[in-house]
Amino acid sequence: QKARSVAPSILLGGRQAGATWGKKHGAAVAAAAM
C-alpha cells in the first residue's frame, strides 16, 4: 500500500533527477559519442 501511494512521487522525483543528471552530464555524453 505504501509502495502504491508513493509511486507518483517516486516517478516525479525520477524525472527531476533525470533532468538534473542530463543538464550536468548531457554535453559530456554527446561529446564522447561524437
PDB file of all heavy atoms in Angstrom:
ATOM      1  N   GLN A   1       0.832  -1.199   0.000  1.00  0.00           N
ATOM      2  CA  GLN A   1       0.000   0.000   0.000  1.00  0.00           C
ATOM      3  C   GLN A   1       0.869   1.253   0.000  1.00  0.00           C
ATOM      4  O   GLN A   1       0.577   2.221  -0.695  1.00  0.00           O
ATOM      5  CB  GLN A   1      -0.958  -0.018   1.188  1.00  0.00           C
ATOM      6  CG  GLN A   1      -2.021  -1.098   1.048  1.00  0.00           C
ATOM      7  CD  GLN A   1      -2.878  -1.242   2.291  1.00  0.00           C
ATOM      8  OE1 GLN A   1      -2.773  -0.482   3.239  1.00  0.00           O
ATOM      9  NE2 GLN A   1      -3.739  -2.248   2.289  1.00  0.00           N
ATOM     10  N   LYS A   2       1.954   1.217   0.775  1.00  0.00           N
ATOM     11  CA  LYS A   2       2.861   2.361   0.792  1.00  0.00           C
ATOM     12  C   LYS A   2       3.518   2.529  -0.573  1.00  0.00           C
ATOM     13  O   LYS A   2       3.623   3.657  -1.084  1.00  0.00           O
ATOM     14  CB  LYS A   2       3.935   2.197   1.861  1.00  0.00           C
ATOM     15  CG  LYS A   2       4.909   3.366   1.884  1.00  0.00           C
ATOM     16  CD  LYS A   2       5.965   3.248   2.952  1.00  0.00           C
ATOM     17  CE  LYS A   2       6.884   4.461   2.910  1.00  0.00           C
ATOM     18  NZ  LYS A   2       7.903   4.407   3.953  1.00  0.00           N
ATOM     19  N   ALA A   3       3.953   1.423  -1.169  1.00  0.00           N
ATOM     20  CA  ALA A   3       4.605   1.491  -2.483  1.00  0.00           C
ATOM     21  C   ALA A   3       3.671   2.124  -3.517  1.00  0.00           C
ATOM     22  O   ALA A   3       4.106   2.970  -4.310  1.00  0.00           O
ATOM     23  CB  ALA A   3       5.032   0.090  -2.935  1.00  0.00           C
ATOM     24  N   ARG A   4       2.402   1.748  -3.481  1.00  0.00           N
ATOM     25  CA  ARG A   4       1.436   2.341  -4.420  1.00  0.00           C
ATOM     26  C   ARG A   4       1.217   3.815  -4.124  1.00  0.00           C
ATOM     27  O   ARG A   4       1.106   4.627  -5.035  1.00  0.00           O
ATOM     28  CB  ARG A   4       0.107   1.596  -4.350  1.00  0.00           C
ATOM     29  CG  ARG A   4       0.067   0.364  -5.190  1.00  0.00           C
ATOM     30  CD  ARG A   4      -1.342  -0.159  -5.440  1.00  0.00           C
ATOM     31  NE  ARG A   4      -2.310   0.076  -4.390  1.00  0.00           N
ATOM     32  CZ  ARG A   4      -2.482  -0.693  -3.316  1.00  0.00           C
ATOM     33  NH1 ARG A   4      -1.739  -1.755  -3.147  1.00  0.00           N
ATOM     34  NH2 ARG A   4      -3.397  -0.413  -2.420  1.00  0.00           N
ATOM     35  N   SER A   5       1.156   4.172  -2.859  1.00  0.00           N
ATOM     36  CA  SER A   5       0.855   5.567  -2.516  1.00  0.00           C
ATOM     37  C   SER A   5       2.006   6.507  -2.847  1.00  0.00           C
ATOM     38  O   SER A   5       1.787   7.670  -3.157  1.00  0.00           O
ATOM     39  CB  SER A   5       0.454   5.697  -1.038  1.00  0.00           C
ATOM     40  OG  SER A   5       1.565   5.512  -0.205  1.00  0.00           O
ATOM     41  N   VAL A   6       3.245   6.005  -2.786  1.00  0.00           N
ATOM     42  CA  VAL A   6       4.391   6.882  -3.066  1.00  0.00           C
ATOM     43  C   VAL A   6       4.881   6.778  -4.507  1.00  0.00           C
ATOM     44  O   VAL A   6       5.764   7.540  -4.908  1.00  0.00           O
ATOM     45  CB  VAL A   6       5.561   6.614  -2.091  1.00  0.00           C
ATOM     46  CG1 VAL A   6       5.142   6.866  -0.653  1.00  0.00           C
ATOM     47  CG2 VAL A   6       6.136   5.228  -2.269  1.00  0.00           C
ATOM     48  N   ALA A   7       4.326   5.872  -5.279  1.00  0.00           N
ATOM     49  CA  ALA A   7       4.776   5.685  -6.663  1.00  0.00           C
ATOM     50  C   ALA A   7       4.747   6.977  -7.476  1.00  0.00           C
ATOM     51  O   ALA A   7       5.716   7.270  -8.188  1.00  0.00           O
ATOM     52  CB  ALA A   7       3.971   4.583  -7.345  1.00  0.00           C
ATOM     53  N   PRO A   8       3.680   7.785  -7.408  1.00  0.00           N
ATOM     54  CA  PRO A   8       3.694   9.027  -8.197  1.00  0.00           C
ATOM     55  C   PRO A   8       4.829   9.973  -7.810  1.00  0.00           C
ATOM     56  O   PRO A   8       5.473  10.568  -8.683  1.00  0.00           O
ATOM     57  CB  PRO A   8       2.329   9.663  -7.896  1.00  0.00           C
ATOM     58  CG  PRO A   8       1.457   8.524  -7.495  1.00  0.00           C
ATOM     59  CD  PRO A   8       2.384   7.570  -6.772  1.00  0.00           C
ATOM     60  N   SER A   9       5.116  10.092  -6.507  1.00  0.00           N
ATOM     61  CA  SER A   9       6.200  10.995  -6.102  1.00  0.00           C
ATOM     62  C   SER A   9       7.557  10.425  -6.498  1.00  0.00           C
ATOM     63  O   SER A   9       8.481  11.178  -6.829  1.00  0.00           O
ATOM     64  CB  SER A   9       6.141  11.294  -4.604  1.00  0.00           C
ATOM     65  OG  SER A   9       6.329  10.130  -3.851  1.00  0.00           O
ATOM     66  N   ILE A  10       7.700   9.108  -6.491  1.00  0.00           N
ATOM     67  CA  ILE A  10       8.949   8.494  -6.944  1.00  0.00           C
ATOM     68  C   ILE A  10       9.136   8.743  -8.443  1.00  0.00           C
ATOM     69  O   ILE A  10      10.234   9.077  -8.889  1.00  0.00           O
ATOM     70  CB  ILE A  10       8.976   6.989  -6.615  1.00  0.00           C
ATOM     71  CG1 ILE A  10       9.112   6.796  -5.104  1.00  0.00           C
ATOM     72  CG2 ILE A  10      10.092   6.277  -7.371  1.00  0.00           C
ATOM     73  CD1 ILE A  10       8.989   5.365  -4.652  1.00  0.00           C
ATOM     74  N   LEU A  11       8.068   8.591  -9.203  1.00  0.00           N
ATOM     75  CA  LEU A  11       8.145   8.850 -10.638  1.00  0.00           C
ATOM     76  C   LEU A  11       8.532  10.301 -10.910  1.00  0.00           C
ATOM     77  O   LEU A  11       9.417  10.573 -11.725  1.00  0.00           O
ATOM     78  CB  LEU A  11       6.802   8.523 -11.306  1.00  0.00           C
ATOM     79  CG  LEU A  11       6.733   8.672 -12.815  1.00  0.00           C
ATOM     80  CD1 LEU A  11       7.743   7.761 -13.503  1.00  0.00           C
ATOM     81  CD2 LEU A  11       5.334   8.364 -13.297  1.00  0.00           C
ATOM     82  N   LEU A  12       7.895  11.222 -10.211  1.00  0.00           N
ATOM     83  CA  LEU A  12       8.219  12.642 -10.367  1.00  0.00           C
ATOM     84  C   LEU A  12       9.658  12.916  -9.953  1.00  0.00           C
ATOM     85  O   LEU A  12      10.397  13.616 -10.660  1.00  0.00           O
ATOM     86  CB  LEU A  12       7.254  13.508  -9.550  1.00  0.00           C
ATOM     87  CG  LEU A  12       7.467  15.009  -9.620  1.00  0.00           C
ATOM     88  CD1 LEU A  12       7.322  15.521 -11.049  1.00  0.00           C
ATOM     89  CD2 LEU A  12       6.482  15.719  -8.706  1.00  0.00           C
ATOM     90  N   GLY A  13      10.075  12.362  -8.836  1.00  0.00           N
ATOM     91  CA  GLY A  13      11.456  12.536  -8.379  1.00  0.00           C
ATOM     92  C   GLY A  13      12.449  11.962  -9.378  1.00  0.00           C
ATOM     93  O   GLY A  13      13.512  12.545  -9.616  1.00  0.00           O
ATOM     94  N   GLY A  14      12.104  10.840  -9.979  1.00  0.00           N
ATOM     95  CA  GLY A  14      12.964  10.241 -11.000  1.00  0.00           C
ATOM     96  C   GLY A  14      13.091  11.122 -12.234  1.00  0.00           C
ATOM     97  O   GLY A  14      14.181  11.260 -12.801  1.00  0.00           O
ATOM     98  N   ARG A  15      11.981  11.714 -12.633  1.00  0.00           N
ATOM     99  CA  ARG A  15      12.024  12.651 -13.772  1.00  0.00           C
ATOM    100  C   ARG A  15      12.920  13.842 -13.451  1.00  0.00           C
ATOM    101  O   ARG A  15      13.722  14.271 -14.278  1.00  0.00           O
ATOM    102  CB  ARG A  15      10.624  13.147 -14.107  1.00  0.00           C
ATOM    103  CG  ARG A  15       9.792  12.160 -14.846  1.00  0.00           C
ATOM    104  CD  ARG A  15       8.494  12.812 -15.274  1.00  0.00           C
ATOM    105  NE  ARG A  15       7.517  11.796 -15.565  1.00  0.00           N
ATOM    106  CZ  ARG A  15       6.222  11.939 -15.439  1.00  0.00           C
ATOM    107  NH1 ARG A  15       5.725  13.084 -15.009  1.00  0.00           N
ATOM    108  NH2 ARG A  15       5.403  10.972 -15.729  1.00  0.00           N
ATOM    109  N   GLN A  16      12.751  14.387 -12.264  1.00  0.00           N
ATOM    110  CA  GLN A  16      13.563  15.544 -11.865  1.00  0.00           C
ATOM    111  C   GLN A  16      15.036  15.167 -11.772  1.00  0.00           C
ATOM    112  O   GLN A  16      15.907  15.926 -12.215  1.00  0.00           O
ATOM    113  CB  GLN A  16      13.061  16.107 -10.531  1.00  0.00           C
ATOM    114  CG  GLN A  16      11.699  16.753 -10.640  1.00  0.00           C
ATOM    115  CD  GLN A  16      11.071  17.069  -9.284  1.00  0.00           C
ATOM    116  OE1 GLN A  16      11.476  16.559  -8.255  1.00  0.00           O
ATOM    117  NE2 GLN A  16      10.058  17.925  -9.309  1.00  0.00           N
ATOM    118  N   ALA A  17      15.320  13.987 -11.230  1.00  0.00           N
ATOM    119  CA  ALA A  17      16.711  13.528 -11.138  1.00  0.00           C
ATOM    120  C   ALA A  17      17.294  13.343 -12.534  1.00  0.00           C
ATOM    121  O   ALA A  17      18.453  13.706 -12.788  1.00  0.00           O
ATOM    122  CB  ALA A  17      16.788  12.223 -10.345  1.00  0.00           C
ATOM    123  N   GLY A  18      16.493  12.795 -13.448  1.00  0.00           N
ATOM    124  CA  GLY A  18      16.956  12.610 -14.824  1.00  0.00           C
ATOM    125  C   GLY A  18      17.258  13.932 -15.506  1.00  0.00           C
ATOM    126  O   GLY A  18      18.251  14.057 -16.227  1.00  0.00           O
ATOM    127  N   ALA A  19      16.404  14.917 -15.284  1.00  0.00           N
ATOM    128  CA  ALA A  19      16.638  16.240 -15.873  1.00  0.00           C
ATOM    129  C   ALA A  19      17.903  16.868 -15.304  1.00  0.00           C
ATOM    130  O   ALA A  19      18.718  17.435 -16.046  1.00  0.00           O
ATOM    131  CB  ALA A  19      15.433  17.147 -15.617  1.00  0.00           C
ATOM    132  N   THR A  20      18.093  16.738 -14.010  1.00  0.00           N
ATOM    133  CA  THR A  20      19.301  17.279 -13.371  1.00  0.00           C
ATOM    134  C   THR A  20      20.544  16.579 -13.904  1.00  0.00           C
ATOM    135  O   THR A  20      21.539  17.224 -14.258  1.00  0.00           O
ATOM    136  CB  THR A  20      19.211  17.119 -11.835  1.00  0.00           C
ATOM    137  OG1 THR A  20      18.060  17.822 -11.371  1.00  0.00           O
ATOM    138  CG2 THR A  20      20.453  17.644 -11.144  1.00  0.00           C
ATOM    139  N   TRP A  21      20.480  15.256 -13.984  1.00  0.00           N
ATOM    140  CA  TRP A  21      21.603  14.481 -14.486  1.00  0.00           C
ATOM    141  C   TRP A  21      21.888  14.869 -15.936  1.00  0.00           C
ATOM    142  O   TRP A  21      23.047  15.036 -16.327  1.00  0.00           O
ATOM    143  CB  TRP A  21      21.300  12.989 -14.380  1.00  0.00           C
ATOM    144  CG  TRP A  21      22.472  12.114 -14.721  1.00  0.00           C
ATOM    145  CD1 TRP A  21      23.380  11.613 -13.856  1.00  0.00           C
ATOM    146  CD2 TRP A  21      22.856  11.657 -16.013  1.00  0.00           C
ATOM    147  NE1 TRP A  21      24.319  10.860 -14.532  1.00  0.00           N
ATOM    148  CE2 TRP A  21      24.015  10.882 -15.873  1.00  0.00           C
ATOM    149  CE3 TRP A  21      22.339  11.829 -17.289  1.00  0.00           C
ATOM    150  CZ2 TRP A  21      24.663  10.270 -16.936  1.00  0.00           C
ATOM    151  CZ3 TRP A  21      22.983  11.234 -18.364  1.00  0.00           C
ATOM    152  CH2 TRP A  21      24.131  10.460 -18.175  1.00  0.00           C
ATOM    153  N   GLY A  22      20.839  15.007 -16.750  1.00  0.00           N
ATOM    154  CA  GLY A  22      21.013  15.370 -18.151  1.00  0.00           C
ATOM    155  C   GLY A  22      21.673  16.721 -18.323  1.00  0.00           C
ATOM    156  O   GLY A  22      22.540  16.900 -19.189  1.00  0.00           O
ATOM    157  N   LYS A  23      21.280  17.697 -17.502  1.00  0.00           N
ATOM    158  CA  LYS A  23      21.902  19.025 -17.574  1.00  0.00           C
ATOM    159  C   LYS A  23      23.374  18.954 -17.204  1.00  0.00           C
ATOM    160  O   LYS A  23      24.217  19.630 -17.784  1.00  0.00           O
ATOM    161  CB  LYS A  23      21.177  20.005 -16.651  1.00  0.00           C
ATOM    162  CG  LYS A  23      19.830  20.437 -17.171  1.00  0.00           C
ATOM    163  CD  LYS A  23      19.134  21.361 -16.192  1.00  0.00           C
ATOM    164  CE  LYS A  23      17.741  21.698 -16.672  1.00  0.00           C
ATOM    165  NZ  LYS A  23      16.999  22.495 -15.681  1.00  0.00           N
ATOM    166  N   LYS A  24      23.689  18.122 -16.214  1.00  0.00           N
ATOM    167  CA  LYS A  24      25.061  18.036 -15.722  1.00  0.00           C
ATOM    168  C   LYS A  24      25.956  17.243 -16.682  1.00  0.00           C
ATOM    169  O   LYS A  24      27.110  17.604 -16.908  1.00  0.00           O
ATOM    170  CB  LYS A  24      25.073  17.386 -14.336  1.00  0.00           C
ATOM    171  CG  LYS A  24      26.445  17.304 -13.705  1.00  0.00           C
ATOM    172  CD  LYS A  24      26.355  16.757 -12.293  1.00  0.00           C
ATOM    173  CE  LYS A  24      27.739  16.684 -11.652  1.00  0.00           C
ATOM    174  NZ  LYS A  24      27.652  16.139 -10.288  1.00  0.00           N
ATOM    175  N   HIS A  25      25.430  16.153 -17.238  1.00  0.00           N
ATOM    176  CA  HIS A  25      26.278  15.235 -17.996  1.00  0.00           C
ATOM    177  C   HIS A  25      25.941  15.134 -19.484  1.00  0.00           C
ATOM    178  O   HIS A  25      26.684  14.488 -20.230  1.00  0.00           O
ATOM    179  CB  HIS A  25      26.199  13.824 -17.389  1.00  0.00           C
ATOM    180  CG  HIS A  25      26.654  13.761 -15.975  1.00  0.00           C
ATOM    181  ND1 HIS A  25      27.976  13.886 -15.607  1.00  0.00           N
ATOM    182  CD2 HIS A  25      25.959  13.592 -14.820  1.00  0.00           C
ATOM    183  CE1 HIS A  25      28.077  13.792 -14.303  1.00  0.00           C
ATOM    184  NE2 HIS A  25      26.862  13.612 -13.795  1.00  0.00           N
ATOM    185  N   GLY A  26      24.838  15.719 -19.922  1.00  0.00           N
ATOM    186  CA  GLY A  26      24.389  15.560 -21.306  1.00  0.00           C
ATOM    187  C   GLY A  26      25.421  15.991 -22.333  1.00  0.00           C
ATOM    188  O   GLY A  26      25.678  15.278 -23.316  1.00  0.00           O
ATOM    189  N   ALA A  27      26.039  17.148 -22.129  1.00  0.00           N
ATOM    190  CA  ALA A  27      27.029  17.653 -23.091  1.00  0.00           C
ATOM    191  C   ALA A  27      28.242  16.733 -23.150  1.00  0.00           C
ATOM    192  O   ALA A  27      28.769  16.447 -24.237  1.00  0.00           O
ATOM    193  CB  ALA A  27      27.448  19.076 -22.730  1.00  0.00           C
ATOM    194  N   ALA A  28      28.686  16.230 -22.005  1.00  0.00           N
ATOM    195  CA  ALA A  28      29.843  15.330 -21.980  1.00  0.00           C
ATOM    196  C   ALA A  28      29.520  14.009 -22.673  1.00  0.00           C
ATOM    197  O   ALA A  28      30.367  13.458 -23.397  1.00  0.00           O
ATOM    198  CB  ALA A  28      30.289  15.084 -20.541  1.00  0.00           C
ATOM    199  N   VAL A  29      28.325  13.498 -22.470  1.00  0.00           N
ATOM    200  CA  VAL A  29      27.915  12.246 -23.123  1.00  0.00           C
ATOM    201  C   VAL A  29      27.870  12.454 -24.639  1.00  0.00           C
ATOM    202  O   VAL A  29      28.363  11.621 -25.410  1.00  0.00           O
ATOM    203  CB  VAL A  29      26.554  11.763 -22.574  1.00  0.00           C
ATOM    204  CG1 VAL A  29      25.989  10.635 -23.414  1.00  0.00           C
ATOM    205  CG2 VAL A  29      26.695  11.324 -21.120  1.00  0.00           C
ATOM    206  N   ALA A  30      27.292  13.572 -25.087  1.00  0.00           N
ATOM    207  CA  ALA A  30      27.209  13.866 -26.521  1.00  0.00           C
ATOM    208  C   ALA A  30      28.608  14.012 -27.113  1.00  0.00           C
ATOM    209  O   ALA A  30      28.886  13.498 -28.206  1.00  0.00           O
ATOM    210  CB  ALA A  30      26.391  15.136 -26.749  1.00  0.00           C
ATOM    211  N   ALA A  31      29.514  14.696 -26.412  1.00  0.00           N
ATOM    212  CA  ALA A  31      30.881  14.878 -26.899  1.00  0.00           C
ATOM    213  C   ALA A  31      31.606  13.533 -26.993  1.00  0.00           C
ATOM    214  O   ALA A  31      32.318  13.266 -27.969  1.00  0.00           O
ATOM    215  CB  ALA A  31      31.643  15.838 -25.991  1.00  0.00           C
ATOM    216  N   ALA A  32      31.429  12.675 -26.010  1.00  0.00           N
ATOM    217  CA  ALA A  32      32.062  11.355 -26.029  1.00  0.00           C
ATOM    218  C   ALA A  32      31.522  10.520 -27.187  1.00  0.00           C
ATOM    219  O   ALA A  32      32.284   9.809 -27.862  1.00  0.00           O
ATOM    220  CB  ALA A  32      31.844  10.642 -24.691  1.00  0.00           C
ATOM    221  N   ALA A  33      30.219  10.599 -27.430  1.00  0.00           N
ATOM    222  CA  ALA A  33      29.626   9.853 -28.545  1.00  0.00           C
ATOM    223  C   ALA A  33      30.174  10.359 -29.883  1.00  0.00           C
ATOM    224  O   ALA A  33      30.469   9.566 -30.786  1.00  0.00           O
ATOM    225  CB  ALA A  33      28.103   9.967 -28.506  1.00  0.00           C
ATOM    226  N   MET A  34      30.314  11.682 -30.030  1.00  0.00           N
ATOM    227  CA  MET A  34      30.880  12.254 -31.258  1.00  0.00           C
ATOM    228  C   MET A  34      32.325  11.807 -31.433  1.00  0.00           C
ATOM    229  O   MET A  34      32.755  11.468 -32.545  1.00  0.00           O
ATOM    230  CB  MET A  34      30.800  13.777 -31.230  1.00  0.00           C
ATOM    231  CG  MET A  34      29.386  14.311 -31.360  1.00  0.00           C
ATOM    232  SD  MET A  34      28.599  13.824 -32.894  1.00  0.00           S
ATOM    233  CE  MET A  34      29.265  15.059 -33.983  1.00  0.00           C
TER     234      MET A  34
END
